[in-house]
C-alpha atoms as a PDB file:
ATOM      1  CA  MET A   1     -23.786   9.141-139.565  1.00  0.00           C
ATOM      2  CA  ASN A   2     -24.767   9.629-143.226  1.00  0.00           C
ATOM      3  CA  SER A   3     -25.747  13.237-142.557  1.00  0.00           C
ATOM      4  CA  GLN A   4     -22.389  13.873-140.875  1.00  0.00           C
ATOM      5  CA  ARG A   5     -20.560  12.299-143.808  1.00  0.00           C
ATOM      6  CA  LEU A   6     -22.506  14.509-146.224  1.00  0.00           C
ATOM      7  CA  TYR A   7     -21.733  17.565-144.099  1.00  0.00           C
ATOM      8  CA  PHE A   8     -17.985  16.936-144.241  1.00  0.00           C
ATOM      9  CA  THR A   9     -18.068  16.421-148.010  1.00  0.00           C
ATOM     10  CA  GLN A  10     -19.570  19.897-148.358  1.00  0.00           C
ATOM     11  CA  LEU A  11     -16.773  21.680-146.498  1.00  0.00           C
ATOM     12  CA  PRO A  12     -14.663  23.939-148.765  1.00  0.00           C
ATOM     13  CA  TYR A  13     -11.327  22.184-148.255  1.00  0.00           C
ATOM     14  CA  GLU A  14     -10.164  23.379-151.661  1.00  0.00           C
ATOM     15  CA  VAL A  15      -9.966  26.953-150.325  1.00  0.00           C
ATOM     16  CA  LEU A  16      -6.847  26.147-148.277  1.00  0.00           C
ATOM     17  CA  ALA A  17      -4.709  25.187-151.272  1.00  0.00           C
ATOM     18  CA  ALA A  18      -5.937  28.147-153.324  1.00  0.00           C
ATOM     19  CA  SER A  19      -5.286  30.471-150.383  1.00  0.00           C
ATOM     20  CA  ASN A  20      -1.653  29.369-150.196  1.00  0.00           C
ATOM     21  CA  THR A  21      -1.153  30.295-153.848  1.00  0.00           C
ATOM     22  CA  LEU A  22      -2.989  33.587-153.456  1.00  0.00           C
ATOM     23  CA  ARG A  23      -1.005  34.520-150.368  1.00  0.00           C
ATOM     24  CA  GLU A  24       2.250  33.998-152.286  1.00  0.00           C
ATOM     25  CA  LEU A  25       1.152  36.022-155.336  1.00  0.00           C
ATOM     26  CA  ALA A  26      -0.912  38.810-153.786  1.00  0.00           C
ATOM     27  CA  ARG A  27       0.308  42.373-153.535  1.00  0.00           C
ATOM     28  CA  PRO A  28      -0.710  44.933-150.887  1.00  0.00           C
ATOM     29  CA  GLY A  29      -4.152  46.325-151.622  1.00  0.00           C
ATOM     30  CA  ASP A  30      -5.271  43.383-153.765  1.00  0.00           C
ATOM     31  CA  LYS A  31      -8.922  42.359-153.783  1.00  0.00           C
ATOM     32  CA  ILE A  32     -10.547  39.060-154.691  1.00  0.00           C
ATOM     33  CA  ILE A  33     -14.043  38.413-156.027  1.00  0.00           C
ATOM     34  CA  ALA A  34     -15.634  35.358-154.422  1.00  0.00           C
ATOM     35  CA  ARG A  35     -18.958  34.208-153.038  1.00  0.00           C
ATOM     36  CA  LYS A  36     -17.684  33.040-149.648  1.00  0.00           C
ATOM     37  CA  PRO A  37     -15.257  34.845-147.298  1.00  0.00           C
ATOM     38  CA  HIS A  38     -13.009  31.828-146.642  1.00  0.00           C
ATOM     39  CA  ILE A  39     -10.541  32.579-149.433  1.00  0.00           C
ATOM     40  CA  GLY A  40     -10.072  36.172-148.222  1.00  0.00           C
ATOM     41  CA  PHE A  41      -9.648  35.116-144.608  1.00  0.00           C
ATOM     42  CA  HIS A  42      -7.029  32.452-145.259  1.00  0.00           C
ATOM     43  CA  SER A  43      -5.050  34.528-147.768  1.00  0.00           C
ATOM     44  CA  GLN A  44      -5.456  37.880-145.995  1.00  0.00           C
ATOM     45  CA  VAL A  45      -6.735  39.454-149.230  1.00  0.00           C
ATOM     46  CA  GLU A  46      -9.745  41.780-149.153  1.00  0.00           C
ATOM     47  CA  LEU A  47     -12.952  40.099-150.304  1.00  0.00           C
ATOM     48  CA  VAL A  48     -15.284  41.601-152.903  1.00  0.00           C
ATOM     49  CA  PRO A  49     -18.657  39.805-153.080  1.00  0.00           C
ATOM     50  CA  PHE A  50     -19.372  37.918-156.283  1.00  0.00           C
ATOM     51  CA  PRO A  51     -21.899  40.053-158.194  1.00  0.00           C
ATOM     52  CA  PHE A  52     -25.373  39.003-159.283  1.00  0.00           C
ATOM     53  CA  THR A  53     -24.477  39.579-162.909  1.00  0.00           C
ATOM     54  CA  LYS A  54     -25.130  37.220-165.810  1.00  0.00           C
ATOM     55  CA  THR A  55     -22.668  38.110-168.570  1.00  0.00           C
ATOM     56  CA  LEU A  56     -18.923  38.289-168.962  1.00  0.00           C
ATOM     57  CA  PRO A  57     -18.919  41.996-169.935  1.00  0.00           C
ATOM     58  CA  ASP A  58     -20.882  42.778-166.763  1.00  0.00           C
ATOM     59  CA  LEU A  59     -18.428  40.772-164.688  1.00  0.00           C
ATOM     60  CA  GLY A  60     -15.511  42.616-166.294  1.00  0.00           C
ATOM     61  CA  ARG A  61     -17.062  46.007-165.541  1.00  0.00           C
ATOM     62  CA  TYR A  62     -17.716  44.989-161.949  1.00  0.00           C
ATOM     63  CA  ALA A  63     -14.126  43.824-161.475  1.00  0.00           C
ATOM     64  CA  ARG A  64     -12.778  47.125-162.763  1.00  0.00           C
ATOM     65  CA  GLU A  65     -15.179  49.169-160.615  1.00  0.00           C
ATOM     66  CA  LYS A  66     -14.048  47.264-157.531  1.00  0.00           C
ATOM     67  CA  HIS A  67     -10.358  47.303-158.536  1.00  0.00           C
ATOM     68  CA  ALA A  68     -10.247  43.521-158.070  1.00  0.00           C
ATOM     69  CA  ARG A  69      -7.174  41.624-159.211  1.00  0.00           C
ATOM     70  CA  TRP A  70      -8.445  38.111-158.472  1.00  0.00           C
ATOM     71  CA  ILE A  71     -11.492  35.903-158.980  1.00  0.00           C
ATOM     72  CA  TYR A  72     -12.076  32.695-157.087  1.00  0.00           C
ATOM     73  CA  PHE A  73     -14.698  30.417-158.625  1.00  0.00           C
ATOM     74  CA  SER A  74     -15.536  27.069-157.054  1.00  0.00           C
ATOM     75  CA  TRP A  75     -18.403  24.592-157.002  1.00  0.00           C
ATOM     76  CA  LEU A  76     -19.915  26.791-154.278  1.00  0.00           C
ATOM     77  CA  GLU A  77     -19.915  29.830-156.578  1.00  0.00           C
ATOM     78  CA  ALA A  78     -21.419  27.683-159.331  1.00  0.00           C
ATOM     79  CA  GLU A  79     -24.409  26.829-157.124  1.00  0.00           C
ATOM     80  CA  LEU A  80     -25.678  30.422-157.091  1.00  0.00           C
ATOM     81  CA  ARG A  81     -23.918  31.775-160.185  1.00  0.00           C
ATOM     82  CA  PRO A  82     -24.696  29.053-162.769  1.00  0.00           C
ATOM     83  CA  GLU A  83     -24.328  31.572-165.601  1.00  0.00           C
ATOM     84  CA  TYR A  84     -20.573  31.403-165.010  1.00  0.00           C
ATOM     85  CA  VAL A  85     -20.278  27.662-164.437  1.00  0.00           C
ATOM     86  CA  TYR A  86     -17.905  27.399-167.422  1.00  0.00           C
ATOM     87  CA  LEU A  87     -15.264  29.156-165.292  1.00  0.00           C
ATOM     88  CA  LEU A  88     -14.675  25.805-163.602  1.00  0.00           C
ATOM     89  CA  ASP A  89     -13.527  24.359-166.928  1.00  0.00           C
ATOM     90  CA  THR A  90      -9.973  25.611-167.425  1.00  0.00           C
ATOM     91  CA  THR A  91     -10.074  24.559-171.095  1.00  0.00           C
ATOM     92  CA  ALA A  92     -12.651  27.323-171.611  1.00  0.00           C
ATOM     93  CA  VAL A  93     -10.096  30.063-172.168  1.00  0.00           C
ATOM     94  CA  VAL A  94     -11.485  33.496-171.259  1.00  0.00           C
ATOM     95  CA  PRO A  95      -9.617  36.702-172.180  1.00  0.00           C
ATOM     96  CA  GLY A  96      -8.389  38.488-169.080  1.00  0.00           C
ATOM     97  CA  LEU A  97      -8.481  35.437-166.819  1.00  0.00           C
ATOM     98  CA  ARG A  98      -5.208  33.644-166.073  1.00  0.00           C
ATOM     99  CA  VAL A  99      -5.405  30.350-164.202  1.00  0.00           C
ATOM    100  CA  ARG A 100      -3.190  30.496-161.114  1.00  0.00           C
ATOM    101  CA  HIS A 101      -4.481  27.486-159.199  1.00  0.00           C
ATOM    102  CA  ALA A 102      -7.048  24.754-159.829  1.00  0.00           C
ATOM    103  CA  THR A 103      -8.387  21.891-157.744  1.00  0.00           C
ATOM    104  CA  TYR A 104     -10.390  18.827-158.690  1.00  0.00           C
ATOM    105  CA  GLY A 105     -12.735  16.585-156.743  1.00  0.00           C
ATOM    106  CA  HIS A 106     -14.063  19.729-155.132  1.00  0.00           C
ATOM    107  CA  PRO A 107     -13.408  21.852-158.229  1.00  0.00           C
ATOM    108  CA  SER A 108     -12.184  25.419-157.930  1.00  0.00           C
ATOM    109  CA  VAL A 109     -10.113  27.854-159.949  1.00  0.00           C
ATOM    110  CA  LEU A 110      -8.163  30.889-158.801  1.00  0.00           C
ATOM    111  CA  TYR A 111      -7.885  33.406-161.642  1.00  0.00           C
ATOM    112  CA  GLU A 112      -5.737  36.499-161.935  1.00  0.00           C
ATOM    113  CA  ILE A 113      -7.681  39.262-163.666  1.00  0.00           C
ATOM    114  CA  GLY A 114      -6.236  41.068-166.675  1.00  0.00           C
ATOM    115  CA  PRO A 115      -7.497  44.151-168.515  1.00  0.00           C
ATOM    116  CA  GLU A 116      -9.213  42.059-171.208  1.00  0.00           C
ATOM    117  CA  LEU A 117     -11.780  40.631-168.804  1.00  0.00           C
ATOM    118  CA  GLY A 118     -15.189  41.306-170.308  1.00  0.00           C
ATOM    119  CA  ILE A 119     -14.275  40.417-173.878  1.00  0.00           C
ATOM    120  CA  GLU A 120     -16.298  37.377-174.862  1.00  0.00           C
ATOM    121  CA  PRO A 121     -14.169  34.564-176.277  1.00  0.00           C
ATOM    122  CA  ALA A 122     -14.867  33.220-179.760  1.00  0.00           C
ATOM    123  CA  TRP A 123     -16.194  29.930-178.395  1.00  0.00           C
ATOM    124  CA  MET A 124     -19.125  31.794-176.820  1.00  0.00           C
ATOM    125  CA  ARG A 125     -20.490  32.335-180.336  1.00  0.00           C
ATOM    126  CA  ASN A 126     -20.637  28.592-180.882  1.00  0.00           C
ATOM    127  CA  ASP A 127     -23.578  26.965-179.097  1.00  0.00           C
ATOM    128  CA  THR A 128     -21.948  23.541-179.250  1.00  0.00           C
ATOM    129  CA  LEU A 129     -18.745  24.731-177.568  1.00  0.00           C
ATOM    130  CA  VAL A 130     -20.738  26.638-174.960  1.00  0.00           C
ATOM    131  CA  ALA A 131     -22.641  23.444-174.140  1.00  0.00           C
ATOM    132  CA  ILE A 132     -19.418  21.411-173.982  1.00  0.00           C
ATOM    133  CA  HIS A 133     -17.750  23.780-171.524  1.00  0.00           C
ATOM    134  CA  GLN A 134     -20.867  23.945-169.362  1.00  0.00           C
ATOM    135  CA  ILE A 135     -21.173  20.167-169.269  1.00  0.00           C
ATOM    136  CA  HIS A 136     -17.461  19.757-168.519  1.00  0.00           C
ATOM    137  CA  ALA A 137     -17.979  22.041-165.528  1.00  0.00           C
ATOM    138  CA  GLU A 138     -21.059  20.100-164.406  1.00  0.00           C
ATOM    139  CA  LEU A 139     -19.070  16.867-164.529  1.00  0.00           C
ATOM    140  CA  LEU A 140     -16.270  18.397-162.479  1.00  0.00           C
ATOM    141  CA  ILE A 141     -18.841  19.031-159.760  1.00  0.00           C
ATOM    142  CA  HIS A 142     -20.746  15.755-160.183  1.00  0.00           C
ATOM    143  CA  PRO A 143     -18.652  13.216-162.148  1.00  0.00           C
ATOM    144  CA  ASP A 144     -21.450  10.638-161.974  1.00  0.00           C
ATOM    145  CA  ASN A 145     -24.145  12.903-163.438  1.00  0.00           C
ATOM    146  CA  THR A 146     -25.585  10.532-166.043  1.00  0.00           C
ATOM    147  CA  ASP A 147     -27.681  13.238-167.687  1.00  0.00           C
ATOM    148  CA  ALA A 148     -24.546  15.326-168.268  1.00  0.00           C
ATOM    149  CA  LEU A 149     -22.658  12.261-169.522  1.00  0.00           C
ATOM    150  CA  TYR A 150     -25.508  11.492-171.918  1.00  0.00           C
ATOM    151  CA  ARG A 151     -25.649  15.059-173.243  1.00  0.00           C
ATOM    152  CA  LEU A 152     -21.886  15.239-173.741  1.00  0.00           C
ATOM    153  CA  ALA A 153     -21.787  11.811-175.422  1.00  0.00           C
ATOM    154  CA  THR A 154     -24.561  12.941-177.779  1.00  0.00           C
ATOM    155  CA  ILE A 155     -22.604  16.069-178.714  1.00  0.00           C
ATOM    156  CA  GLU A 156     -19.343  14.188-179.232  1.00  0.00           C
ATOM    157  CA  ARG A 157     -21.162  11.624-181.382  1.00  0.00           C
ATOM    158  CA  LEU A 158     -22.492  14.413-183.597  1.00  0.00           C
ATOM    159  CA  ARG A 159     -18.963  15.835-183.820  1.00  0.00           C
ATOM    160  CA  GLY A 160     -17.639  12.460-184.956  1.00  0.00           C
ATOM    161  CA  ASN A 161     -15.611  11.844-181.803  1.00  0.00           C
ATOM    162  CA  TYR A 162     -16.926   8.309-181.448  1.00  0.00           C
ATOM    163  CA  ASP A 163     -14.228   6.934-179.131  1.00  0.00           C
ATOM    164  CA  LEU A 164     -14.792   9.738-176.630  1.00  0.00           C
ATOM    165  CA  ALA A 165     -18.555   9.436-176.996  1.00  0.00           C
ATOM    166  CA  PHE A 166     -18.289   5.721-176.266  1.00  0.00           C
ATOM    167  CA  GLN A 167     -16.230   6.269-173.112  1.00  0.00           C
ATOM    168  CA  LEU A 168     -18.793   8.745-171.806  1.00  0.00           C
ATOM    169  CA  ILE A 169     -21.908   6.701-172.530  1.00  0.00           C
ATOM    170  CA  ASP A 170     -20.312   3.427-171.435  1.00  0.00           C
ATOM    171  CA  HIS A 171     -19.603   5.024-168.060  1.00  0.00           C
ATOM    172  CA  ALA A 172     -23.193   6.249-167.911  1.00  0.00           C
ATOM    173  CA  THR A 173     -24.601   2.755-168.528  1.00  0.00           C
ATOM    174  CA  GLN A 174     -22.483   1.418-165.679  1.00  0.00           C
ATOM    175  CA  LEU A 175     -23.933   4.056-163.371  1.00  0.00           C
ATOM    176  CA  ARG A 176     -27.543   3.652-164.555  1.00  0.00           C
ATOM    177  CA  PRO A 177     -27.837   0.175-166.096  1.00  0.00           C
ATOM    178  CA  ASN A 178     -31.638   0.329-166.254  1.00  0.00           C
ATOM    179  CA  GLU A 179     -31.981   3.490-168.332  1.00  0.00           C
ATOM    180  CA  ALA A 180     -32.985   2.571-171.874  1.00  0.00           C
ATOM    181  CA  ARG A 181     -31.892   5.799-173.586  1.00  0.00           C
ATOM    182  CA  LEU A 182     -28.302   5.238-172.465  1.00  0.00           C
ATOM    183  CA  TRP A 183     -28.168   1.794-174.047  1.00  0.00           C
ATOM    184  CA  LEU A 184     -29.798   3.104-177.219  1.00  0.00           C
ATOM    185  CA  LEU A 185     -27.079   5.731-177.630  1.00  0.00           C
ATOM    186  CA  LEU A 186     -24.405   3.175-176.768  1.00  0.00           C
ATOM    187  CA  GLY A 187     -25.707   0.915-179.533  1.00  0.00           C
ATOM    188  CA  ASP A 188     -25.669   3.743-182.066  1.00  0.00           C
ATOM    189  CA  ILE A 189     -22.094   4.683-181.174  1.00  0.00           C
ATOM    190  CA  ARG A 190     -20.962   1.060-181.311  1.00  0.00           C
ATOM    191  CA  LEU A 191     -22.366   0.864-184.833  1.00  0.00           C
ATOM    192  CA  ARG A 192     -20.362   3.924-185.812  1.00  0.00           C
ATOM    193  CA  LEU A 193     -17.280   2.236-184.362  1.00  0.00           C
ATOM    194  CA  ASN A 194     -18.019  -0.719-186.668  1.00  0.00           C
ATOM    195  CA  ASP A 195     -18.742  -3.146-183.849  1.00  0.00           C
ATOM    196  CA  PRO A 196     -22.099  -4.670-184.849  1.00  0.00           C
ATOM    197  CA  ALA A 197     -22.037  -7.427-182.235  1.00  0.00           C
ATOM    198  CA  SER A 198     -21.657  -4.992-179.329  1.00  0.00           C
ATOM    199  CA  ALA A 199     -24.151  -2.632-180.944  1.00  0.00           C
ATOM    200  CA  ASP A 200     -26.731  -5.400-181.216  1.00  0.00           C
ATOM    201  CA  ALA A 201     -26.201  -6.352-177.563  1.00  0.00           C
ATOM    202  CA  ALA A 202     -26.829  -2.727-176.554  1.00  0.00           C
ATOM    203  CA  PHE A 203     -30.005  -2.560-178.654  1.00  0.00           C
ATOM    204  CA  VAL A 204     -31.212  -5.843-177.146  1.00  0.00           C
ATOM    205  CA  ARG A 205     -30.650  -4.370-173.700  1.00  0.00           C
ATOM    206  CA  THR A 206     -32.649  -1.295-174.752  1.00  0.00           C
ATOM    207  CA  LEU A 207     -35.544  -3.464-175.856  1.00  0.00           C
ATOM    208  CA  THR A 208     -35.419  -5.447-172.624  1.00  0.00           C
ATOM    209  CA  LEU A 209     -35.932  -2.187-170.747  1.00  0.00           C
ATOM    210  CA  ASP A 210     -38.299  -0.641-173.314  1.00  0.00           C
ATOM    211  CA  PRO A 211     -39.911  -3.342-175.504  1.00  0.00           C
ATOM    212  CA  SER A 212     -41.728  -0.840-177.739  1.00  0.00           C
ATOM    213  CA  ASN A 213     -38.583   1.119-178.662  1.00  0.00           C
ATOM    214  CA  ALA A 214     -38.667   1.235-182.458  1.00  0.00           C
ATOM    215  CA  GLU A 215     -35.266   2.943-182.701  1.00  0.00           C
ATOM    216  CA  ALA A 216     -33.624   0.005-180.958  1.00  0.00           C
ATOM    217  CA  GLN A 217     -35.347  -2.449-183.308  1.00  0.00           C
ATOM    218  CA  ILE A 218     -34.171  -0.407-186.291  1.00  0.00           C
ATOM    219  CA  GLY A 219     -30.692  -0.360-184.763  1.00  0.00           C
ATOM    220  CA  ARG A 220     -30.711  -4.160-184.539  1.00  0.00           C
ATOM    221  CA  GLY A 221     -31.499  -4.260-188.253  1.00  0.00           C
ATOM    222  CA  TRP A 222     -28.539  -2.014-189.006  1.00  0.00           C
ATOM    223  CA  ALA A 223     -26.287  -4.189-186.814  1.00  0.00           C
ATOM    224  CA  SER A 224     -27.353  -7.257-188.810  1.00  0.00           C
ATOM    225  CA  LEU A 225     -26.670  -5.433-192.065  1.00  0.00           C
ATOM    226  CA  TYR A 226     -23.203  -4.373-190.835  1.00  0.00           C
ATOM    227  CA  ALA A 227     -22.595  -8.073-190.071  1.00  0.00           C
ATOM    228  CA  ASN A 228     -23.574  -9.014-193.653  1.00  0.00           C
ATOM    229  CA  ARG A 229     -26.875 -10.600-192.661  1.00  0.00           C
ATOM    230  CA  PRO A 230     -29.400  -8.764-194.876  1.00  0.00           C
ATOM    231  CA  ARG A 231     -32.167 -11.321-194.330  1.00  0.00           C
ATOM    232  CA  ASP A 232     -31.941 -10.849-190.576  1.00  0.00           C
ATOM    233  CA  ALA A 233     -31.977  -7.078-191.097  1.00  0.00           C
ATOM    234  CA  ALA A 234     -35.107  -7.341-193.254  1.00  0.00           C
ATOM    235  CA  ALA A 235     -36.883  -9.466-190.646  1.00  0.00           C
ATOM    236  CA  LEU A 236     -35.968  -7.105-187.806  1.00  0.00           C
ATOM    237  CA  TRP A 237     -37.052  -4.057-189.788  1.00  0.00           C
ATOM    238  CA  ARG A 238     -40.388  -5.411-190.995  1.00  0.00           C
ATOM    239  CA  PRO A 239     -42.412  -4.571-187.804  1.00  0.00           C
ATOM    240  CA  VAL A 240     -41.009  -1.012-187.574  1.00  0.00           C
ATOM    241  CA  VAL A 241     -40.889   0.192-191.190  1.00  0.00           C
ATOM    242  CA  GLY A 242     -43.734   2.604-190.513  1.00  0.00           C
ATOM    243  CA  ALA A 243     -41.971   4.010-187.433  1.00  0.00           C
ATOM    244  CA  ALA A 244     -38.734   4.868-189.236  1.00  0.00           C
ATOM    245  CA  GLN A 245     -38.099   8.616-189.457  1.00  0.00           C
ATOM    246  CA  ASP A 246     -34.669   8.660-191.094  1.00  0.00           C
ATOM    247  CA  PRO A 247     -34.614   8.861-194.923  1.00  0.00           C
ATOM    248  CA  ILE A 248     -31.233   7.109-195.079  1.00  0.00           C
ATOM    249  CA  THR A 249     -32.608   4.167-193.094  1.00  0.00           C
ATOM    250  CA  LEU A 250     -35.705   3.967-195.279  1.00  0.00           C
ATOM    251  CA  GLN A 251     -33.606   4.101-198.450  1.00  0.00           C
ATOM    252  CA  GLN A 252     -31.515   1.245-197.089  1.00  0.00           C
ATOM    253  CA  MET A 253     -34.678  -0.703-196.285  1.00  0.00           C
ATOM    254  CA  ILE A 254     -35.884  -0.219-199.874  1.00  0.00           C
ATOM    255  CA  ARG A 255     -32.534  -1.460-201.173  1.00  0.00           C
ATOM    256  CA  VAL A 256     -32.480  -4.534-198.915  1.00  0.00           C
ATOM    257  CA  TYR A 257     -36.084  -5.527-199.583  1.00  0.00           C
ATOM    258  CA  GLY A 258     -35.532  -5.008-203.329  1.00  0.00           C
ATOM    259  CA  GLN A 259     -32.432  -7.219-203.331  1.00  0.00           C
ATOM    260  CA  LEU A 260     -34.326  -9.926-201.455  1.00  0.00           C
ATOM    261  CA  GLY A 261     -37.331  -9.728-203.788  1.00  0.00           C
ATOM    262  CA  ASP A 262     -39.593  -8.751-200.900  1.00  0.00           C
ATOM    263  CA  THR A 263     -42.056  -6.544-202.786  1.00  0.00           C
ATOM    264  CA  GLU A 264     -44.300  -6.042-199.775  1.00  0.00           C
ATOM    265  CA  GLY A 265     -41.453  -4.814-197.580  1.00  0.00           C
ATOM    266  CA  GLU A 266     -40.098  -2.603-200.360  1.00  0.00           C
ATOM    267  CA  ALA A 267     -43.524  -1.041-200.930  1.00  0.00           C
ATOM    268  CA  ALA A 268     -43.946  -0.346-197.206  1.00  0.00           C
ATOM    269  CA  ALA A 269     -40.527   1.323-197.024  1.00  0.00           C
ATOM    270  CA  ARG A 270     -41.235   3.416-200.139  1.00  0.00           C
ATOM    271  CA  ALA A 271     -44.556   4.554-198.687  1.00  0.00           C
ATOM    272  CA  ALA A 272     -42.892   5.504-195.404  1.00  0.00           C
ATOM    273  CA  LEU A 273     -40.173   7.437-197.239  1.00  0.00           C
ATOM    274  CA  ALA A 274     -42.736   9.307-199.357  1.00  0.00           C
ATOM    275  CA  ARG A 275     -44.650  10.220-196.187  1.00  0.00           C
ATOM    276  CA  ILE A 276     -41.512  11.488-194.460  1.00  0.00           C
ATOM    277  CA  MET A 277     -40.298  13.511-197.436  1.00  0.00           C
ATOM    278  CA  GLY A 278     -43.767  14.918-198.054  1.00  0.00           C
ATOM    279  CA  SER A 279     -43.953  16.275-194.535  1.00  0.00           C
ATOM    280  CA  ARG A 280     -40.702  18.255-194.874  1.00  0.00           C
END
């Protein structure tokens, strides 16, 4: 029964809706680039096999050589043409490709080809944007891919989009509640959203799953400091001063230990900072 259920989930139902659109828009003699023949059969448009190319300029040249007016790219195409997985993400605007139909759940996009196809968009020169569009496409195929959610949350955190990063990583922790790295990132993002209580809870959860995680212990210290409890922060930091790798954290440790008159803790933090800066 499970194998039958899996089989039916893999059927390309999305082709039918795209075929209706293509049938309405196609002109006599049109050709469509696709991996599977279903779209051509249902729309009565001649199929051109999806090429084993790897770049957008190559794809553009191929389309012109074959006189193709259409490209159909679905999760099935993405399986064997991962270099073009970003084509599933309709926010990844590509010159010469006009979205004519898109489906979700089983993601697919029907594009009309224009003469500009082959010109690389500006976002392709930005590694961060390339990664974002690729991950968006991955999540369209597998919405519960926790690795993709983690990677996208990490990127959005670095970009300062903390609310979006929180939504992504919170969803990931619900899917994989026993994965320490997810809770660690959740705690960090909660700190940046100025929610020390929730951040501390996430760091505690991290330490429950990974008791030796120094980053989580350092995070608990920061959460205490955000909550105006410097003595608690100092106590939490003391066992992991030597493991700290962030100069800002070590400078804060020096400041806290100095204010508390804890010369031993201050000396340890200064030594750790000197070691880190000396190695750079």
